[in-house]
Amino acid sequence: MISIVTGHYGSGKTEFALNLALKKKAEGERVTICDLDIVNPYFRTSDVKNFLSEKGINVVASEFASSNVDIPVLPSEILSVFADGGTEAVFDVGGDEDGAVALGGFFNYIKNKEYKMYFVINAMRPMTANEDDILELAHKIEETSRLKITDVVNNTNLAYLTEPSHILNSAELIEKCAEKLGTGVTYISGKKEILDKIPQKNKHFELETFMNLPF
């Protein structure tokens, strides 16, 4: 299975991708996470490469990742992921449609395989705070990558200021957007202490916050 994680800058897509990889590893899968986040990200998978390696997760990323050299070069090792049918592959894709350009380069390798493309939404961010902006971004990502969004993740938050009301107030908006994309809200993600206070527990996806870990 190929799992592709997309979303706008600040949506929390990288945190979701990391937790998804850890979840699959905990379920006994062999996991590789590929860092396609090459468009000047604030936080990227490569920033926690050592932590992931200690957990038994293979990380594929540009040799320039987490350096002060901004060269959008992707390693050829990514191609090996498509040939290895026994590996669960998680792709952390750069924010917005520009980041999806890198993903589009692998379209011919992905199109005939089973995949999920998660669209992570944080309705507290200014560029994804209303239906029109959310759908415009989603359609641009689909157009650029030539792949279909299959799952929507409600990751609405204000970091450590997050309250249950932030997620509850976003639910109708994000569910409506998911419906218009021809899918549904697969997960509501966040910290356990917040998720415990909202309904739809079958959709809860608890996140470990990597930004606070001492790397």
N, C-alpha and C. Protein backbone atom coordinates (compact mmCIF):
# COMPACT_ATOMS: atom_id res chain seq x y z
N MET A 1 0.84 -1.19 0.00
CA MET A 1 0.00 0.00 0.00
C MET A 1 0.88 1.25 0.00
N ILE A 2 0.51 2.21 -0.82
CA ILE A 2 1.17 3.51 -0.83
C ILE A 2 0.25 4.53 -0.18
N SER A 3 0.74 5.20 0.83
CA SER A 3 -0.02 6.25 1.51
C SER A 3 0.64 7.59 1.22
N ILE A 4 -0.13 8.50 0.63
CA ILE A 4 0.39 9.82 0.24
C ILE A 4 -0.28 10.86 1.11
N VAL A 5 0.51 11.71 1.75
CA VAL A 5 -0.04 12.71 2.67
C VAL A 5 0.21 14.10 2.10
N THR A 6 -0.87 14.83 1.84
CA THR A 6 -0.79 16.17 1.27
C THR A 6 -1.52 17.16 2.17
N GLY A 7 -1.36 18.44 1.87
CA GLY A 7 -2.03 19.48 2.63
C GLY A 7 -1.26 20.77 2.54
N HIS A 8 -1.85 21.84 3.03
CA HIS A 8 -1.20 23.14 2.97
C HIS A 8 -0.13 23.25 4.04
N TYR A 9 0.77 24.23 3.87
CA TYR A 9 1.75 24.52 4.91
C TYR A 9 1.03 24.79 6.22
N GLY A 10 1.51 24.20 7.29
CA GLY A 10 0.91 24.43 8.60
C GLY A 10 -0.32 23.58 8.88
N SER A 11 -0.64 22.68 7.95
CA SER A 11 -1.82 21.82 8.17
C SER A 11 -1.53 20.71 9.17
N GLY A 12 -0.25 20.40 9.37
CA GLY A 12 0.13 19.29 10.24
C GLY A 12 0.28 18.00 9.46
N LYS A 13 0.46 18.12 8.13
CA LYS A 13 0.54 16.91 7.31
C LYS A 13 1.77 16.08 7.64
N THR A 14 2.90 16.72 7.93
CA THR A 14 4.10 15.96 8.26
C THR A 14 3.92 15.19 9.56
N GLU A 15 3.33 15.84 10.57
CA GLU A 15 3.07 15.15 11.83
C GLU A 15 2.14 13.95 11.59
N PHE A 16 1.13 14.13 10.74
CA PHE A 16 0.23 13.02 10.44
C PHE A 16 0.98 11.91 9.72
N ALA A 17 1.81 12.26 8.74
CA ALA A 17 2.57 11.26 7.99
C ALA A 17 3.48 10.46 8.91
N LEU A 18 4.14 11.14 9.82
CA LEU A 18 5.04 10.46 10.76
C LEU A 18 4.27 9.51 11.66
N ASN A 19 3.15 9.96 12.18
CA ASN A 19 2.34 9.10 13.05
C ASN A 19 1.74 7.93 12.29
N LEU A 20 1.38 8.16 11.03
CA LEU A 20 0.85 7.08 10.20
C LEU A 20 1.92 6.00 10.00
N ALA A 21 3.14 6.43 9.75
CA ALA A 21 4.25 5.49 9.57
C ALA A 21 4.50 4.70 10.86
N LEU A 22 4.47 5.39 12.00
CA LEU A 22 4.68 4.72 13.28
C LEU A 22 3.55 3.73 13.58
N LYS A 23 2.33 4.10 13.22
CA LYS A 23 1.19 3.21 13.42
C LYS A 23 1.34 1.93 12.60
N LYS A 24 1.73 2.09 11.35
CA LYS A 24 1.91 0.92 10.49
C LYS A 24 3.04 0.03 11.02
N LYS A 25 4.10 0.65 11.52
CA LYS A 25 5.22 -0.12 12.08
C LYS A 25 4.76 -0.88 13.31
N ALA A 26 3.97 -0.24 14.17
CA ALA A 26 3.47 -0.89 15.38
C ALA A 26 2.56 -2.07 15.06
N GLU A 27 1.95 -2.05 13.87
CA GLU A 27 1.08 -3.14 13.43
C GLU A 27 1.87 -4.27 12.79
N GLY A 28 3.21 -4.14 12.80
CA GLY A 28 4.06 -5.20 12.30
C GLY A 28 4.47 -5.09 10.85
N GLU A 29 4.19 -3.96 10.23
CA GLU A 29 4.53 -3.77 8.82
C GLU A 29 5.99 -3.31 8.67
N ARG A 30 6.54 -3.59 7.51
CA ARG A 30 7.83 -3.01 7.13
C ARG A 30 7.54 -1.68 6.45
N VAL A 31 8.13 -0.58 6.96
CA VAL A 31 7.69 0.76 6.56
C VAL A 31 8.86 1.59 6.05
N THR A 32 8.60 2.29 4.95
CA THR A 32 9.52 3.30 4.44
C THR A 32 8.75 4.61 4.30
N ILE A 33 9.31 5.68 4.82
CA ILE A 33 8.70 7.00 4.66
C ILE A 33 9.59 7.83 3.73
N CYS A 34 8.96 8.41 2.72
CA CYS A 34 9.70 9.18 1.72
C CYS A 34 9.40 10.66 1.88
N ASP A 35 10.42 11.45 2.04
CA ASP A 35 10.28 12.89 2.23
C ASP A 35 10.31 13.58 0.87
N LEU A 36 9.12 13.95 0.39
CA LEU A 36 9.02 14.72 -0.86
C LEU A 36 8.77 16.19 -0.56
N ASP A 37 8.92 16.58 0.70
CA ASP A 37 8.64 17.95 1.12
C ASP A 37 9.87 18.80 0.82
N ILE A 38 9.97 19.28 -0.42
CA ILE A 38 11.20 19.95 -0.87
C ILE A 38 11.02 21.45 -1.10
N VAL A 39 9.85 21.98 -0.68
CA VAL A 39 9.58 23.39 -0.98
C VAL A 39 9.69 24.22 0.29
N ASN A 40 10.91 24.44 0.76
CA ASN A 40 11.17 25.27 1.93
C ASN A 40 10.22 25.02 3.10
N PRO A 41 10.13 23.78 3.60
CA PRO A 41 9.20 23.48 4.68
C PRO A 41 9.68 24.00 6.02
N TYR A 42 8.73 24.18 6.96
CA TYR A 42 9.08 24.58 8.32
C TYR A 42 9.56 23.36 9.11
N PHE A 43 8.95 22.23 8.89
CA PHE A 43 9.27 21.00 9.61
C PHE A 43 9.07 19.86 8.64
N ARG A 44 10.05 18.98 8.54
CA ARG A 44 9.97 17.92 7.55
C ARG A 44 10.38 16.58 8.16
N THR A 45 10.01 15.52 7.48
CA THR A 45 10.30 14.17 7.94
C THR A 45 11.79 13.99 8.24
N SER A 46 12.63 14.56 7.38
CA SER A 46 14.07 14.38 7.53
C SER A 46 14.60 14.93 8.85
N ASP A 47 13.88 15.87 9.45
CA ASP A 47 14.31 16.46 10.72
C ASP A 47 14.32 15.43 11.85
N VAL A 48 13.57 14.35 11.70
CA VAL A 48 13.51 13.33 12.75
C VAL A 48 13.97 11.97 12.22
N LYS A 49 14.87 12.00 11.26
CA LYS A 49 15.34 10.76 10.61
C LYS A 49 15.93 9.79 11.62
N ASN A 50 16.76 10.28 12.53
CA ASN A 50 17.40 9.38 13.51
C ASN A 50 16.37 8.71 14.40
N PHE A 51 15.37 9.47 14.83
CA PHE A 51 14.30 8.93 15.67
C PHE A 51 13.56 7.82 14.93
N LEU A 52 13.22 8.06 13.67
CA LEU A 52 12.49 7.07 12.88
C LEU A 52 13.33 5.82 12.64
N SER A 53 14.61 6.01 12.38
CA SER A 53 15.50 4.88 12.15
C SER A 53 15.58 3.99 13.39
N GLU A 54 15.60 4.62 14.56
CA GLU A 54 15.63 3.86 15.81
C GLU A 54 14.35 3.04 15.99
N LYS A 55 13.26 3.51 15.39
CA LYS A 55 11.99 2.79 15.47
C LYS A 55 11.86 1.72 14.38
N GLY A 56 12.90 1.60 13.55
CA GLY A 56 12.89 0.60 12.50
C GLY A 56 12.22 1.04 11.22
N ILE A 57 12.05 2.34 11.05
CA ILE A 57 11.42 2.89 9.85
C ILE A 57 12.50 3.44 8.92
N ASN A 58 12.50 2.99 7.68
CA ASN A 58 13.45 3.48 6.70
C ASN A 58 13.02 4.86 6.20
N VAL A 59 13.95 5.79 6.12
CA VAL A 59 13.66 7.15 5.65
C VAL A 59 14.41 7.41 4.36
N VAL A 60 13.67 7.81 3.33
CA VAL A 60 14.27 8.16 2.05
C VAL A 60 14.08 9.66 1.85
N ALA A 61 15.20 10.37 1.69
CA ALA A 61 15.12 11.83 1.57
C ALA A 61 16.33 12.33 0.79
N SER A 62 16.22 13.56 0.33
CA SER A 62 17.33 14.19 -0.36
C SER A 62 18.53 14.32 0.59
N GLU A 63 19.72 14.15 0.04
CA GLU A 63 20.92 14.31 0.87
C GLU A 63 21.08 15.73 1.37
N PHE A 64 20.34 16.68 0.77
CA PHE A 64 20.42 18.07 1.21
C PHE A 64 19.34 18.42 2.21
N ALA A 65 18.48 17.45 2.55
CA ALA A 65 17.42 17.72 3.51
C ALA A 65 18.00 18.11 4.86
N SER A 66 17.30 19.02 5.55
CA SER A 66 17.70 19.49 6.87
C SER A 66 19.06 20.18 6.86
N SER A 67 19.46 20.70 5.71
CA SER A 67 20.68 21.48 5.61
C SER A 67 20.31 22.89 5.18
N ASN A 68 21.32 23.75 5.05
CA ASN A 68 21.03 25.10 4.58
C ASN A 68 21.19 25.22 3.07
N VAL A 69 21.25 24.06 2.40
CA VAL A 69 21.35 24.03 0.94
C VAL A 69 19.97 23.71 0.37
N ASP A 70 19.40 24.66 -0.33
CA ASP A 70 18.03 24.51 -0.85
C ASP A 70 18.07 24.03 -2.29
N ILE A 71 18.25 22.71 -2.48
CA ILE A 71 18.30 22.12 -3.81
C ILE A 71 17.24 21.03 -3.89
N PRO A 72 16.22 21.22 -4.72
CA PRO A 72 15.12 20.25 -4.78
C PRO A 72 15.48 18.99 -5.56
N VAL A 73 16.38 18.17 -4.98
CA VAL A 73 16.83 16.94 -5.62
C VAL A 73 16.28 15.76 -4.84
N LEU A 74 15.66 14.81 -5.55
CA LEU A 74 15.11 13.64 -4.90
C LEU A 74 15.99 12.43 -5.17
N PRO A 75 16.20 11.57 -4.18
CA PRO A 75 17.09 10.43 -4.35
C PRO A 75 16.48 9.34 -5.23
N SER A 76 17.33 8.66 -5.98
CA SER A 76 16.86 7.57 -6.85
C SER A 76 16.33 6.40 -6.04
N GLU A 77 16.68 6.34 -4.74
CA GLU A 77 16.23 5.26 -3.87
C GLU A 77 14.71 5.19 -3.78
N ILE A 78 14.04 6.31 -4.07
CA ILE A 78 12.57 6.32 -4.02
C ILE A 78 12.00 5.29 -4.98
N LEU A 79 12.63 5.09 -6.12
CA LEU A 79 12.12 4.14 -7.11
C LEU A 79 12.07 2.72 -6.56
N SER A 80 12.97 2.39 -5.64
CA SER A 80 12.99 1.04 -5.08
C SER A 80 11.75 0.76 -4.26
N VAL A 81 11.12 1.81 -3.73
CA VAL A 81 9.91 1.66 -2.92
C VAL A 81 8.78 1.07 -3.76
N PHE A 82 8.69 1.50 -5.01
CA PHE A 82 7.62 1.02 -5.89
C PHE A 82 7.82 -0.43 -6.31
N ALA A 83 9.05 -0.89 -6.29
CA ALA A 83 9.35 -2.26 -6.70
C ALA A 83 9.20 -3.25 -5.56
N ASP A 84 9.18 -2.75 -4.34
CA ASP A 84 9.12 -3.62 -3.15
C ASP A 84 7.68 -3.73 -2.68
N GLY A 85 7.00 -4.78 -3.10
CA GLY A 85 5.60 -4.95 -2.74
C GLY A 85 5.37 -5.27 -1.28
N GLY A 86 6.42 -5.61 -0.54
CA GLY A 86 6.26 -5.96 0.87
C GLY A 86 6.42 -4.80 1.82
N THR A 87 6.62 -3.61 1.29
CA THR A 87 6.84 -2.43 2.13
C THR A 87 5.64 -1.51 2.10
N GLU A 88 5.25 -1.03 3.28
CA GLU A 88 4.24 0.02 3.37
C GLU A 88 4.97 1.35 3.16
N ALA A 89 4.62 2.06 2.12
CA ALA A 89 5.30 3.32 1.79
C ALA A 89 4.42 4.51 2.16
N VAL A 90 5.01 5.45 2.88
CA VAL A 90 4.31 6.69 3.26
C VAL A 90 5.07 7.85 2.63
N PHE A 91 4.37 8.65 1.82
CA PHE A 91 4.98 9.80 1.17
C PHE A 91 4.51 11.09 1.84
N ASP A 92 5.46 11.86 2.33
CA ASP A 92 5.16 13.18 2.90
C ASP A 92 5.42 14.20 1.79
N VAL A 93 4.32 14.74 1.25
CA VAL A 93 4.41 15.60 0.06
C VAL A 93 4.42 17.07 0.47
N GLY A 94 5.21 17.88 -0.23
CA GLY A 94 5.30 19.31 0.07
C GLY A 94 3.97 20.01 0.02
N GLY A 95 3.85 21.08 0.80
CA GLY A 95 2.60 21.82 0.90
C GLY A 95 2.14 22.42 -0.42
N ASP A 96 0.86 22.48 -0.62
CA ASP A 96 0.13 23.05 -1.76
C ASP A 96 0.48 22.39 -3.09
N GLU A 97 -0.04 22.97 -4.19
CA GLU A 97 0.12 22.33 -5.49
C GLU A 97 1.55 22.35 -5.99
N ASP A 98 2.36 23.32 -5.55
CA ASP A 98 3.76 23.34 -5.97
C ASP A 98 4.49 22.13 -5.42
N GLY A 99 4.21 21.78 -4.18
CA GLY A 99 4.83 20.60 -3.59
C GLY A 99 4.40 19.32 -4.29
N ALA A 100 3.18 19.33 -4.85
CA ALA A 100 2.66 18.13 -5.51
C ALA A 100 3.35 17.88 -6.85
N VAL A 101 4.12 18.84 -7.34
CA VAL A 101 4.85 18.65 -8.60
C VAL A 101 5.79 17.45 -8.47
N ALA A 102 6.49 17.36 -7.32
CA ALA A 102 7.41 16.24 -7.11
C ALA A 102 6.67 14.91 -7.14
N LEU A 103 5.49 14.89 -6.53
CA LEU A 103 4.68 13.67 -6.53
C LEU A 103 4.26 13.30 -7.95
N GLY A 104 3.89 14.30 -8.75
CA GLY A 104 3.46 14.04 -10.12
C GLY A 104 4.52 13.35 -10.95
N GLY A 105 5.79 13.55 -10.59
CA GLY A 105 6.88 12.91 -11.31
C GLY A 105 6.87 11.39 -11.17
N PHE A 106 6.14 10.90 -10.16
CA PHE A 106 6.08 9.45 -9.92
C PHE A 106 4.72 8.87 -10.31
N PHE A 107 3.94 9.63 -11.06
CA PHE A 107 2.59 9.21 -11.42
C PHE A 107 2.57 7.84 -12.08
N ASN A 108 3.46 7.61 -13.02
CA ASN A 108 3.46 6.34 -13.75
C ASN A 108 3.79 5.15 -12.86
N TYR A 109 4.47 5.39 -11.74
CA TYR A 109 4.79 4.32 -10.81
C TYR A 109 3.64 4.05 -9.83
N ILE A 110 2.79 5.07 -9.62
CA ILE A 110 1.73 4.98 -8.61
C ILE A 110 0.39 4.58 -9.21
N LYS A 111 0.11 5.01 -10.44
CA LYS A 111 -1.25 4.93 -11.00
C LYS A 111 -1.84 3.53 -11.01
N ASN A 112 -1.02 2.52 -11.15
CA ASN A 112 -1.54 1.15 -11.23
C ASN A 112 -1.38 0.38 -9.92
N LYS A 113 -1.02 1.08 -8.85
CA LYS A 113 -0.86 0.45 -7.54
C LYS A 113 -1.98 0.90 -6.61
N GLU A 114 -2.18 0.14 -5.55
CA GLU A 114 -3.17 0.53 -4.54
C GLU A 114 -2.60 1.68 -3.72
N TYR A 115 -3.33 2.77 -3.66
CA TYR A 115 -2.83 3.90 -2.89
C TYR A 115 -3.98 4.64 -2.20
N LYS A 116 -3.60 5.36 -1.16
CA LYS A 116 -4.49 6.31 -0.51
C LYS A 116 -3.81 7.67 -0.53
N MET A 117 -4.55 8.71 -0.88
CA MET A 117 -3.99 10.06 -0.81
C MET A 117 -4.80 10.84 0.22
N TYR A 118 -4.15 11.11 1.34
CA TYR A 118 -4.77 11.83 2.44
C TYR A 118 -4.60 13.33 2.24
N PHE A 119 -5.69 14.07 2.40
CA PHE A 119 -5.66 15.53 2.31
C PHE A 119 -5.91 16.05 3.73
N VAL A 120 -4.86 16.61 4.33
CA VAL A 120 -4.91 17.05 5.73
C VAL A 120 -5.33 18.52 5.77
N ILE A 121 -6.38 18.81 6.56
CA ILE A 121 -6.93 20.16 6.63
C ILE A 121 -6.87 20.69 8.05
N ASN A 122 -6.33 21.88 8.19
CA ASN A 122 -6.38 22.63 9.45
C ASN A 122 -7.20 23.89 9.18
N ALA A 123 -8.45 23.87 9.61
CA ALA A 123 -9.36 24.97 9.30
C ALA A 123 -9.04 26.25 10.06
N MET A 124 -8.03 26.21 10.93
CA MET A 124 -7.61 27.42 11.64
C MET A 124 -6.52 28.17 10.89
N ARG A 125 -6.05 27.62 9.79
CA ARG A 125 -5.04 28.29 8.99
C ARG A 125 -5.72 29.22 7.99
N PRO A 126 -5.15 30.39 7.71
CA PRO A 126 -5.82 31.39 6.86
C PRO A 126 -6.09 30.93 5.44
N MET A 127 -5.26 30.05 4.88
CA MET A 127 -5.44 29.63 3.49
C MET A 127 -6.39 28.44 3.34
N THR A 128 -6.84 27.89 4.46
CA THR A 128 -7.79 26.76 4.41
C THR A 128 -8.89 26.95 5.45
N ALA A 129 -9.39 28.16 5.53
CA ALA A 129 -10.40 28.49 6.55
C ALA A 129 -11.82 28.49 6.02
N ASN A 130 -11.98 28.34 4.70
CA ASN A 130 -13.33 28.33 4.13
C ASN A 130 -13.40 27.31 2.99
N GLU A 131 -14.62 27.00 2.60
CA GLU A 131 -14.85 25.94 1.62
C GLU A 131 -14.18 26.22 0.28
N ASP A 132 -14.30 27.43 -0.23
CA ASP A 132 -13.73 27.74 -1.54
C ASP A 132 -12.23 27.53 -1.56
N ASP A 133 -11.54 28.01 -0.53
CA ASP A 133 -10.08 27.88 -0.50
C ASP A 133 -9.65 26.42 -0.35
N ILE A 134 -10.36 25.68 0.49
CA ILE A 134 -10.03 24.27 0.69
C ILE A 134 -10.18 23.49 -0.61
N LEU A 135 -11.31 23.68 -1.28
CA LEU A 135 -11.56 22.93 -2.52
C LEU A 135 -10.63 23.36 -3.64
N GLU A 136 -10.32 24.65 -3.70
CA GLU A 136 -9.38 25.12 -4.73
C GLU A 136 -8.02 24.46 -4.55
N LEU A 137 -7.54 24.40 -3.32
CA LEU A 137 -6.26 23.76 -3.05
C LEU A 137 -6.31 22.28 -3.39
N ALA A 138 -7.38 21.61 -2.96
CA ALA A 138 -7.51 20.17 -3.22
C ALA A 138 -7.48 19.88 -4.72
N HIS A 139 -8.23 20.66 -5.49
CA HIS A 139 -8.29 20.42 -6.94
C HIS A 139 -6.94 20.70 -7.60
N LYS A 140 -6.21 21.70 -7.11
CA LYS A 140 -4.88 22.00 -7.67
C LYS A 140 -3.91 20.86 -7.38
N ILE A 141 -3.99 20.30 -6.17
CA ILE A 141 -3.13 19.17 -5.83
C ILE A 141 -3.45 17.97 -6.72
N GLU A 142 -4.73 17.70 -6.92
CA GLU A 142 -5.12 16.58 -7.77
C GLU A 142 -4.67 16.82 -9.22
N GLU A 143 -4.85 18.03 -9.70
CA GLU A 143 -4.48 18.34 -11.07
C GLU A 143 -2.97 18.21 -11.28
N THR A 144 -2.21 18.72 -10.33
CA THR A 144 -0.75 18.70 -10.47
C THR A 144 -0.18 17.30 -10.33
N SER A 145 -0.70 16.54 -9.38
CA SER A 145 -0.17 15.19 -9.13
C SER A 145 -0.77 14.15 -10.07
N ARG A 146 -1.94 14.49 -10.66
CA ARG A 146 -2.71 13.58 -11.52
C ARG A 146 -3.24 12.38 -10.72
N LEU A 147 -3.36 12.56 -9.41
CA LEU A 147 -3.87 11.52 -8.53
C LEU A 147 -5.10 12.04 -7.79
N LYS A 148 -5.93 11.14 -7.31
CA LYS A 148 -7.18 11.48 -6.68
C LYS A 148 -7.06 11.44 -5.16
N ILE A 149 -7.56 12.49 -4.50
CA ILE A 149 -7.65 12.47 -3.04
C ILE A 149 -8.68 11.42 -2.65
N THR A 150 -8.27 10.49 -1.80
CA THR A 150 -9.16 9.39 -1.40
C THR A 150 -9.65 9.53 0.04
N ASP A 151 -8.92 10.28 0.86
CA ASP A 151 -9.25 10.39 2.28
C ASP A 151 -8.98 11.82 2.76
N VAL A 152 -9.86 12.31 3.63
CA VAL A 152 -9.67 13.64 4.22
C VAL A 152 -9.42 13.49 5.72
N VAL A 153 -8.47 14.27 6.22
CA VAL A 153 -8.12 14.25 7.64
C VAL A 153 -8.41 15.62 8.24
N ASN A 154 -9.23 15.66 9.26
CA ASN A 154 -9.49 16.91 9.99
C ASN A 154 -8.42 17.05 11.06
N ASN A 155 -7.45 17.91 10.82
CA ASN A 155 -6.38 18.15 11.78
C ASN A 155 -6.43 19.60 12.28
N THR A 156 -7.62 20.11 12.46
CA THR A 156 -7.79 21.49 12.91
C THR A 156 -7.18 21.68 14.29
N ASN A 157 -6.31 22.69 14.40
CA ASN A 157 -5.65 22.93 15.69
C ASN A 157 -5.03 24.31 15.73
N LEU A 158 -4.73 24.74 16.95
CA LEU A 158 -3.95 25.96 17.20
C LEU A 158 -2.76 25.61 18.08
N ALA A 159 -2.10 24.52 17.73
CA ALA A 159 -0.96 24.03 18.50
C ALA A 159 -1.36 23.85 19.96
N TYR A 160 -0.56 24.37 20.89
CA TYR A 160 -0.84 24.16 22.32
C TYR A 160 -2.05 24.94 22.82
N LEU A 161 -2.61 25.81 21.97
CA LEU A 161 -3.81 26.56 22.36
C LEU A 161 -5.10 25.86 21.90
N THR A 162 -4.97 24.68 21.31
CA THR A 162 -6.13 23.98 20.77
C THR A 162 -7.15 23.63 21.85
N GLU A 163 -8.40 23.88 21.54
CA GLU A 163 -9.52 23.50 22.40
C GLU A 163 -10.43 22.55 21.61
N PRO A 164 -11.19 21.69 22.30
CA PRO A 164 -12.12 20.81 21.59
C PRO A 164 -13.07 21.57 20.67
N SER A 165 -13.44 22.79 21.05
CA SER A 165 -14.37 23.59 20.24
C SER A 165 -13.80 23.90 18.87
N HIS A 166 -12.48 24.02 18.73
CA HIS A 166 -11.88 24.29 17.44
C HIS A 166 -12.18 23.15 16.46
N ILE A 167 -12.04 21.91 16.94
CA ILE A 167 -12.32 20.75 16.09
C ILE A 167 -13.81 20.63 15.82
N LEU A 168 -14.61 20.78 16.87
CA LEU A 168 -16.06 20.65 16.72
C LEU A 168 -16.61 21.68 15.75
N ASN A 169 -16.13 22.91 15.84
CA ASN A 169 -16.63 23.98 14.96
C ASN A 169 -16.21 23.79 13.51
N SER A 170 -15.15 23.03 13.29
CA SER A 170 -14.66 22.80 11.92
C SER A 170 -15.31 21.60 11.25
N ALA A 171 -15.98 20.77 12.03
CA ALA A 171 -16.45 19.48 11.53
C ALA A 171 -17.37 19.61 10.32
N GLU A 172 -18.36 20.49 10.40
CA GLU A 172 -19.33 20.62 9.31
C GLU A 172 -18.64 21.09 8.03
N LEU A 173 -17.75 22.06 8.15
CA LEU A 173 -17.03 22.59 6.99
C LEU A 173 -16.22 21.49 6.31
N ILE A 174 -15.44 20.77 7.09
CA ILE A 174 -14.55 19.78 6.51
C ILE A 174 -15.32 18.58 5.96
N GLU A 175 -16.39 18.19 6.63
CA GLU A 175 -17.22 17.11 6.11
C GLU A 175 -17.86 17.50 4.78
N LYS A 176 -18.28 18.75 4.67
CA LYS A 176 -18.88 19.23 3.42
C LYS A 176 -17.86 19.22 2.29
N CYS A 177 -16.64 19.65 2.59
CA CYS A 177 -15.58 19.65 1.58
C CYS A 177 -15.24 18.23 1.15
N ALA A 178 -15.16 17.32 2.12
CA ALA A 178 -14.86 15.93 1.80
C ALA A 178 -15.92 15.34 0.88
N GLU A 179 -17.18 15.65 1.16
CA GLU A 179 -18.28 15.16 0.33
C GLU A 179 -18.14 15.67 -1.10
N LYS A 180 -17.78 16.95 -1.26
CA LYS A 180 -17.63 17.52 -2.59
C LYS A 180 -16.42 16.95 -3.33
N LEU A 181 -15.48 16.39 -2.58
CA LEU A 181 -14.31 15.74 -3.18
C LEU A 181 -14.60 14.27 -3.48
N GLY A 182 -15.81 13.84 -3.16
CA GLY A 182 -16.20 12.47 -3.45
C GLY A 182 -15.68 11.46 -2.46
N THR A 183 -15.39 11.93 -1.24
CA THR A 183 -14.87 11.02 -0.22
C THR A 183 -15.48 11.41 1.13
N GLY A 184 -14.84 11.01 2.21
CA GLY A 184 -15.32 11.35 3.54
C GLY A 184 -14.18 11.71 4.46
N VAL A 185 -14.50 12.08 5.68
CA VAL A 185 -13.48 12.38 6.69
C VAL A 185 -13.08 11.06 7.33
N THR A 186 -11.89 10.59 7.00
CA THR A 186 -11.41 9.30 7.50
C THR A 186 -10.95 9.41 8.94
N TYR A 187 -10.22 10.49 9.26
CA TYR A 187 -9.66 10.65 10.60
C TYR A 187 -9.91 12.07 11.12
N ILE A 188 -10.08 12.14 12.44
CA ILE A 188 -10.01 13.40 13.18
C ILE A 188 -8.77 13.26 14.05
N SER A 189 -7.74 14.03 13.77
CA SER A 189 -6.46 13.82 14.45
C SER A 189 -6.15 14.93 15.44
N GLY A 190 -5.38 14.57 16.46
CA GLY A 190 -5.01 15.55 17.48
C GLY A 190 -4.43 14.86 18.70
N LYS A 191 -4.15 15.64 19.71
CA LYS A 191 -3.64 15.11 20.96
C LYS A 191 -4.75 14.37 21.71
N LYS A 192 -4.38 13.32 22.43
CA LYS A 192 -5.35 12.47 23.11
C LYS A 192 -6.26 13.25 24.05
N GLU A 193 -5.70 14.19 24.80
CA GLU A 193 -6.50 14.92 25.77
C GLU A 193 -7.57 15.78 25.12
N ILE A 194 -7.36 16.15 23.86
CA ILE A 194 -8.37 16.92 23.11
C ILE A 194 -9.40 15.97 22.50
N LEU A 195 -8.92 14.91 21.88
CA LEU A 195 -9.81 13.96 21.21
C LEU A 195 -10.77 13.29 22.19
N ASP A 196 -10.33 13.09 23.41
CA ASP A 196 -11.18 12.45 24.41
C ASP A 196 -12.45 13.27 24.70
N LYS A 197 -12.44 14.54 24.31
CA LYS A 197 -13.56 15.43 24.62
C LYS A 197 -14.49 15.67 23.43
N ILE A 198 -14.26 14.95 22.34
CA ILE A 198 -15.13 15.12 21.18
C ILE A 198 -15.70 13.78 20.75
N PRO A 199 -16.85 13.77 20.05
CA PRO A 199 -17.47 12.51 19.62
C PRO A 199 -16.76 11.89 18.42
N GLN A 200 -17.42 10.94 17.78
CA GLN A 200 -16.88 10.21 16.62
C GLN A 200 -15.55 9.54 16.95
N LYS A 201 -15.53 8.84 18.06
CA LYS A 201 -14.29 8.23 18.52
C LYS A 201 -13.75 7.18 17.56
N ASN A 202 -14.61 6.64 16.70
CA ASN A 202 -14.14 5.67 15.72
C ASN A 202 -13.20 6.30 14.69
N LYS A 203 -13.19 7.64 14.63
CA LYS A 203 -12.33 8.33 13.67
C LYS A 203 -11.08 8.94 14.32
N HIS A 204 -10.96 8.81 15.62
CA HIS A 204 -9.84 9.46 16.30
C HIS A 204 -8.49 8.89 15.86
N PHE A 205 -7.55 9.79 15.62
CA PHE A 205 -6.18 9.42 15.27
C PHE A 205 -5.26 10.24 16.16
N GLU A 206 -4.73 9.61 17.19
CA GLU A 206 -3.92 10.34 18.17
C GLU A 206 -2.54 10.66 17.62
N LEU A 207 -2.12 11.89 17.82
CA LEU A 207 -0.85 12.37 17.30
C LEU A 207 0.18 12.57 18.41
N GLU A 208 1.38 12.12 18.14
CA GLU A 208 2.52 12.50 18.95
C GLU A 208 3.13 13.74 18.30
N THR A 209 3.39 14.78 19.12
CA THR A 209 3.88 16.04 18.57
C THR A 209 5.40 16.01 18.48
N PHE A 210 5.91 15.86 17.27
CA PHE A 210 7.36 15.70 17.08
C PHE A 210 8.12 17.01 17.27
N MET A 211 7.45 18.15 17.09
CA MET A 211 8.15 19.42 17.23
C MET A 211 8.68 19.61 18.66
N ASN A 212 8.10 18.89 19.63
CA ASN A 212 8.50 19.07 21.01
C ASN A 212 9.52 18.05 21.48
N LEU A 213 9.92 17.14 20.59
CA LEU A 213 10.86 16.11 20.98
C LEU A 213 12.31 16.64 20.88
N PRO A 214 13.19 16.18 21.74
CA PRO A 214 14.57 16.69 21.79
C PRO A 214 15.48 16.00 20.79
N PHE A 215 15.54 16.49 19.55
CA PHE A 215 16.42 15.88 18.56
C PHE A 215 17.68 16.70 18.43
